[in-house]
N, C-alpha and C. Protein backbone atom coordinates (compact mmCIF):
# COMPACT_ATOMS: atom_id res chain seq x y z
N UNK A 1 103.46 153.06 140.36
CA UNK A 1 102.85 154.09 139.53
C UNK A 1 101.34 153.93 139.60
N UNK A 2 100.61 155.00 139.89
CA UNK A 2 99.16 154.89 139.92
C UNK A 2 98.62 154.61 138.52
N UNK A 3 97.47 153.97 138.48
CA UNK A 3 96.85 153.67 137.19
C UNK A 3 96.53 154.97 136.46
N UNK A 4 96.84 155.01 135.18
CA UNK A 4 96.51 156.18 134.36
C UNK A 4 95.46 155.77 133.36
N UNK A 5 94.47 156.60 133.21
CA UNK A 5 93.33 156.34 132.33
C UNK A 5 93.69 156.71 130.90
N UNK A 6 93.53 155.74 129.99
CA UNK A 6 93.97 155.91 128.61
C UNK A 6 92.78 155.79 127.65
N UNK A 7 92.73 156.71 126.69
CA UNK A 7 91.82 156.62 125.55
C UNK A 7 92.67 156.19 124.35
N UNK A 8 92.27 155.11 123.68
CA UNK A 8 92.98 154.62 122.51
C UNK A 8 92.24 155.11 121.26
N UNK A 9 92.96 155.80 120.39
CA UNK A 9 92.37 156.34 119.16
C UNK A 9 93.09 155.73 117.96
N UNK A 10 92.37 154.89 117.23
CA UNK A 10 92.93 154.22 116.06
C UNK A 10 91.76 153.74 115.21
N UNK A 11 91.87 153.84 113.90
CA UNK A 11 90.77 153.44 113.04
C UNK A 11 90.74 151.94 112.73
N UNK A 12 91.68 151.18 113.24
CA UNK A 12 91.68 149.73 113.05
C UNK A 12 91.18 149.07 114.34
N UNK A 13 89.96 148.60 114.31
CA UNK A 13 89.33 148.04 115.51
C UNK A 13 90.12 146.91 116.16
N UNK A 14 90.70 145.97 115.41
CA UNK A 14 91.46 144.90 116.07
C UNK A 14 92.63 145.43 116.90
N UNK A 15 93.19 146.56 116.51
CA UNK A 15 94.31 147.13 117.25
C UNK A 15 93.89 147.52 118.66
N UNK A 16 92.67 148.00 118.82
CA UNK A 16 92.20 148.43 120.14
C UNK A 16 92.29 147.31 121.16
N UNK A 17 91.83 146.14 120.79
CA UNK A 17 91.83 145.01 121.72
C UNK A 17 93.25 144.60 122.11
N UNK A 18 94.12 144.46 121.11
CA UNK A 18 95.47 144.00 121.42
C UNK A 18 96.26 145.03 122.22
N UNK A 19 96.17 146.30 121.85
CA UNK A 19 96.92 147.31 122.59
C UNK A 19 96.31 147.52 123.98
N UNK A 20 95.01 147.37 124.08
CA UNK A 20 94.37 147.50 125.39
C UNK A 20 94.90 146.47 126.39
N UNK A 21 95.05 145.24 125.93
CA UNK A 21 95.59 144.19 126.79
C UNK A 21 97.02 144.51 127.21
N UNK A 22 97.84 144.97 126.27
CA UNK A 22 99.23 145.33 126.59
C UNK A 22 99.29 146.44 127.63
N UNK A 23 98.47 147.46 127.45
CA UNK A 23 98.51 148.60 128.36
C UNK A 23 98.00 148.21 129.75
N UNK A 24 96.95 147.43 129.80
CA UNK A 24 96.41 147.03 131.10
C UNK A 24 97.40 146.15 131.86
N UNK A 25 98.12 145.28 131.16
CA UNK A 25 99.17 144.50 131.81
C UNK A 25 100.28 145.39 132.34
N UNK A 26 100.44 146.56 131.71
CA UNK A 26 101.47 147.51 132.13
C UNK A 26 101.00 148.52 133.16
N UNK A 27 99.80 148.34 133.72
CA UNK A 27 99.34 149.19 134.80
C UNK A 27 98.47 150.36 134.38
N UNK A 28 98.06 150.41 133.13
CA UNK A 28 97.18 151.47 132.65
C UNK A 28 95.75 150.97 132.62
N UNK A 29 94.80 151.88 132.72
CA UNK A 29 93.39 151.55 132.61
C UNK A 29 92.87 152.13 131.29
N UNK A 30 92.46 151.27 130.38
CA UNK A 30 91.90 151.73 129.11
C UNK A 30 90.43 152.05 129.34
N UNK A 31 90.08 153.32 129.22
CA UNK A 31 88.73 153.77 129.56
C UNK A 31 87.84 153.96 128.34
N UNK A 32 88.42 153.89 127.14
CA UNK A 32 87.60 154.08 125.96
C UNK A 32 88.39 153.96 124.68
N UNK A 33 87.62 154.03 123.60
CA UNK A 33 88.20 153.92 122.26
C UNK A 33 87.50 154.90 121.35
N UNK A 34 88.25 155.39 120.38
CA UNK A 34 87.70 156.24 119.33
C UNK A 34 88.32 155.79 118.01
N UNK A 35 87.56 155.98 116.93
CA UNK A 35 87.95 155.44 115.64
C UNK A 35 88.22 156.50 114.58
N UNK A 36 88.00 157.77 114.92
CA UNK A 36 88.34 158.86 114.02
C UNK A 36 88.63 160.10 114.86
N UNK A 37 89.11 161.15 114.21
CA UNK A 37 89.52 162.35 114.93
C UNK A 37 88.40 163.05 115.66
N UNK A 38 87.25 163.18 115.02
CA UNK A 38 86.12 163.86 115.68
C UNK A 38 85.64 163.09 116.89
N UNK A 39 85.56 161.76 116.76
CA UNK A 39 85.14 160.94 117.89
C UNK A 39 86.16 161.03 119.03
N UNK A 40 87.43 161.13 118.69
CA UNK A 40 88.47 161.28 119.72
C UNK A 40 88.22 162.52 120.56
N UNK A 41 87.90 163.64 119.92
CA UNK A 41 87.64 164.87 120.66
C UNK A 41 86.40 164.72 121.54
N UNK A 42 85.36 164.11 121.02
CA UNK A 42 84.13 163.89 121.80
C UNK A 42 84.41 163.00 123.01
N UNK A 43 85.14 161.92 122.78
CA UNK A 43 85.43 160.98 123.88
C UNK A 43 86.34 161.60 124.93
N UNK A 44 87.25 162.47 124.52
CA UNK A 44 88.10 163.17 125.50
C UNK A 44 87.26 164.07 126.41
N UNK A 45 86.30 164.76 125.82
CA UNK A 45 85.41 165.60 126.63
C UNK A 45 84.59 164.75 127.59
N UNK A 46 84.10 163.63 127.10
CA UNK A 46 83.22 162.77 127.90
C UNK A 46 83.97 162.00 128.98
N UNK A 47 85.13 161.45 128.64
CA UNK A 47 85.84 160.53 129.54
C UNK A 47 86.95 161.18 130.36
N UNK A 48 87.43 162.33 129.95
CA UNK A 48 88.57 163.02 130.56
C UNK A 48 89.73 162.07 130.90
N UNK A 49 90.29 161.41 129.87
CA UNK A 49 91.42 160.51 130.12
C UNK A 49 92.66 161.30 130.52
N UNK A 50 93.58 160.61 131.19
CA UNK A 50 94.87 161.21 131.52
C UNK A 50 95.80 161.17 130.32
N UNK A 51 95.63 160.13 129.49
CA UNK A 51 96.51 159.87 128.36
C UNK A 51 95.67 159.55 127.13
N UNK A 52 96.09 160.06 125.98
CA UNK A 52 95.46 159.70 124.71
C UNK A 52 96.53 159.08 123.82
N UNK A 53 96.34 157.82 123.49
CA UNK A 53 97.21 157.12 122.55
C UNK A 53 96.59 157.33 121.18
N UNK A 54 97.23 158.13 120.34
CA UNK A 54 96.59 158.74 119.17
C UNK A 54 97.28 158.38 117.86
N UNK A 55 96.58 157.62 117.01
CA UNK A 55 97.12 157.28 115.70
C UNK A 55 97.24 158.55 114.86
N UNK A 56 98.31 158.65 114.10
CA UNK A 56 98.53 159.82 113.25
C UNK A 56 97.54 159.84 112.09
N UNK A 57 97.33 158.69 111.45
CA UNK A 57 96.48 158.64 110.26
C UNK A 57 95.08 158.17 110.64
N UNK A 58 94.15 159.13 110.64
CA UNK A 58 92.77 158.87 111.02
C UNK A 58 91.83 159.45 109.98
N UNK A 59 90.64 158.89 109.85
CA UNK A 59 89.62 159.55 109.03
C UNK A 59 89.19 160.86 109.69
N UNK A 60 88.77 161.80 108.89
CA UNK A 60 88.36 163.10 109.44
C UNK A 60 89.59 163.90 109.79
N UNK A 61 89.70 164.31 111.02
CA UNK A 61 90.88 165.03 111.50
C UNK A 61 92.03 164.04 111.68
N UNK A 62 93.23 164.40 111.22
CA UNK A 62 94.36 163.51 111.47
C UNK A 62 94.86 163.70 112.90
N UNK A 63 95.77 162.83 113.31
CA UNK A 63 96.27 162.86 114.68
C UNK A 63 96.95 164.16 115.05
N UNK A 64 97.62 164.80 114.13
CA UNK A 64 98.27 166.08 114.43
C UNK A 64 97.24 167.16 114.76
N UNK A 65 96.16 167.20 113.98
CA UNK A 65 95.10 168.18 114.25
C UNK A 65 94.41 167.89 115.57
N UNK A 66 94.15 166.62 115.85
CA UNK A 66 93.53 166.25 117.13
C UNK A 66 94.45 166.67 118.28
N UNK A 67 95.75 166.42 118.16
CA UNK A 67 96.70 166.81 119.21
C UNK A 67 96.67 168.32 119.44
N UNK A 68 96.63 169.09 118.36
CA UNK A 68 96.56 170.57 118.49
C UNK A 68 95.31 170.98 119.25
N UNK A 69 94.20 170.37 118.93
CA UNK A 69 92.94 170.72 119.61
C UNK A 69 92.94 170.27 121.06
N UNK A 70 93.52 169.12 121.33
CA UNK A 70 93.58 168.64 122.73
C UNK A 70 94.51 169.49 123.58
N UNK A 71 95.47 170.14 122.95
CA UNK A 71 96.38 171.03 123.69
C UNK A 71 95.60 172.21 124.28
N UNK A 72 94.43 172.50 123.73
CA UNK A 72 93.58 173.59 124.24
C UNK A 72 92.51 173.08 125.19
N UNK A 73 92.47 171.78 125.39
CA UNK A 73 91.43 171.11 126.17
C UNK A 73 91.77 171.17 127.66
N UNK A 74 90.78 171.37 128.50
CA UNK A 74 90.97 171.30 129.95
C UNK A 74 90.05 170.24 130.53
N UNK A 75 90.55 169.31 131.32
CA UNK A 75 91.97 169.12 131.61
C UNK A 75 92.70 168.58 130.39
N UNK A 76 93.95 168.97 130.27
CA UNK A 76 94.76 168.60 129.10
C UNK A 76 95.35 167.20 129.29
N UNK A 77 94.98 166.26 128.43
CA UNK A 77 95.57 164.92 128.55
C UNK A 77 96.97 164.90 127.95
N UNK A 78 97.78 163.96 128.41
CA UNK A 78 99.07 163.71 127.75
C UNK A 78 98.76 162.94 126.48
N UNK A 79 99.31 163.39 125.36
CA UNK A 79 99.06 162.76 124.07
C UNK A 79 100.33 162.08 123.57
N UNK A 80 100.19 160.83 123.17
CA UNK A 80 101.29 160.09 122.57
C UNK A 80 100.83 159.66 121.18
N UNK A 81 101.53 160.13 120.18
CA UNK A 81 101.23 159.76 118.80
C UNK A 81 101.75 158.36 118.53
N UNK A 82 100.98 157.61 117.73
CA UNK A 82 101.41 156.28 117.30
C UNK A 82 101.22 156.17 115.79
N UNK A 83 102.02 155.31 115.17
CA UNK A 83 101.88 155.08 113.74
C UNK A 83 102.57 153.77 113.38
N UNK A 84 102.09 153.17 112.30
CA UNK A 84 102.78 152.00 111.75
C UNK A 84 104.08 152.43 111.08
N UNK A 85 104.18 153.71 110.77
CA UNK A 85 105.40 154.27 110.16
C UNK A 85 106.30 154.86 111.24
N UNK A 86 107.55 155.10 110.91
CA UNK A 86 108.44 155.69 111.90
C UNK A 86 108.28 157.22 111.91
N UNK A 87 108.78 157.84 112.95
CA UNK A 87 108.62 159.29 113.13
C UNK A 87 109.26 160.08 112.00
N UNK A 88 110.33 159.58 111.42
CA UNK A 88 111.02 160.28 110.34
C UNK A 88 110.08 160.53 109.17
N UNK A 89 109.14 159.63 108.95
CA UNK A 89 108.17 159.76 107.86
C UNK A 89 107.41 161.09 107.94
N UNK A 90 107.19 161.58 109.15
CA UNK A 90 106.38 162.78 109.35
C UNK A 90 107.21 164.05 109.48
N UNK A 91 108.51 163.94 109.35
CA UNK A 91 109.38 165.10 109.39
C UNK A 91 109.24 165.89 110.69
N UNK A 92 109.25 167.20 110.57
CA UNK A 92 109.19 168.09 111.74
C UNK A 92 107.83 168.10 112.42
N UNK A 93 106.82 167.54 111.79
CA UNK A 93 105.47 167.58 112.39
C UNK A 93 105.45 166.92 113.76
N UNK A 94 106.17 165.84 113.94
CA UNK A 94 106.19 165.16 115.24
C UNK A 94 106.87 166.06 116.28
N UNK A 95 108.00 166.64 115.90
CA UNK A 95 108.74 167.50 116.84
C UNK A 95 107.91 168.71 117.25
N UNK A 96 107.17 169.28 116.32
CA UNK A 96 106.38 170.49 116.60
C UNK A 96 105.05 170.22 117.29
N UNK A 97 104.59 169.00 117.25
CA UNK A 97 103.27 168.66 117.81
C UNK A 97 103.29 168.79 119.34
N UNK A 98 102.19 169.24 119.92
CA UNK A 98 102.10 169.36 121.38
C UNK A 98 101.80 168.00 122.03
N UNK A 99 102.79 167.11 121.98
CA UNK A 99 102.61 165.74 122.47
C UNK A 99 103.74 165.35 123.41
N UNK A 100 103.47 164.30 124.18
CA UNK A 100 104.47 163.78 125.11
C UNK A 100 105.50 162.91 124.40
N UNK A 101 105.13 162.40 123.22
CA UNK A 101 106.06 161.55 122.50
C UNK A 101 105.43 160.84 121.33
N UNK A 102 106.19 159.95 120.74
CA UNK A 102 105.79 159.19 119.56
C UNK A 102 106.27 157.76 119.74
N UNK A 103 105.41 156.80 119.39
CA UNK A 103 105.78 155.39 119.39
C UNK A 103 105.32 154.74 118.09
N UNK A 104 106.16 153.89 117.55
CA UNK A 104 105.69 153.05 116.45
C UNK A 104 104.74 152.03 117.06
N UNK A 105 103.71 151.69 116.33
CA UNK A 105 102.68 150.78 116.87
C UNK A 105 103.28 149.48 117.38
N UNK A 106 104.28 148.97 116.69
CA UNK A 106 104.87 147.69 117.12
C UNK A 106 105.60 147.81 118.45
N UNK A 107 105.92 149.03 118.87
CA UNK A 107 106.66 149.24 120.12
C UNK A 107 105.78 149.63 121.30
N UNK A 108 104.47 149.76 121.08
CA UNK A 108 103.58 150.19 122.15
C UNK A 108 103.47 149.09 123.20
N UNK A 109 103.68 149.49 124.45
CA UNK A 109 103.50 148.62 125.61
C UNK A 109 103.29 149.52 126.82
N UNK A 110 102.87 148.94 127.91
CA UNK A 110 102.74 149.72 129.14
C UNK A 110 104.07 150.31 129.56
N UNK A 111 105.14 149.53 129.43
CA UNK A 111 106.47 150.00 129.82
C UNK A 111 106.91 151.17 128.94
N UNK A 112 106.74 151.05 127.63
CA UNK A 112 107.15 152.11 126.71
C UNK A 112 106.36 153.38 126.96
N UNK A 113 105.05 153.23 127.17
CA UNK A 113 104.21 154.40 127.43
C UNK A 113 104.59 155.03 128.77
N UNK A 114 104.86 154.22 129.76
CA UNK A 114 105.28 154.75 131.06
C UNK A 114 106.56 155.54 130.98
N UNK A 115 107.52 155.09 130.17
CA UNK A 115 108.77 155.82 130.00
C UNK A 115 108.55 157.20 129.38
N UNK A 116 107.66 157.26 128.40
CA UNK A 116 107.38 158.55 127.76
C UNK A 116 106.69 159.53 128.70
N UNK A 117 105.93 159.00 129.64
CA UNK A 117 105.11 159.85 130.49
C UNK A 117 105.77 160.22 131.82
N UNK A 118 107.00 159.78 132.04
CA UNK A 118 107.69 160.09 133.30
C UNK A 118 107.91 161.56 133.45
């Protein structure tokens, strides 16, 4: 699998480092980080990642709103929502969101992300 460029969006800075290591071991290239919804949109324009690993609960715009806006973005990155909570917590919002999938934060790995993006 060719390396895919990933932007990690999460408001907890320590999470960026740990998830970055997991993804890079799994064959992904982490090209940047964002800590809130507005910064995520700016970084997507600047970095043009292939994949956005996007926390649902963010300051400013939440992950669902960011995903909606990225769906209109060209080039359109694949978006994977992440949360410390399970998908059931968000009801139909996950199903309706224009995303490639959802992962609980504890389950994020290069392998798990690769399976969602096949």
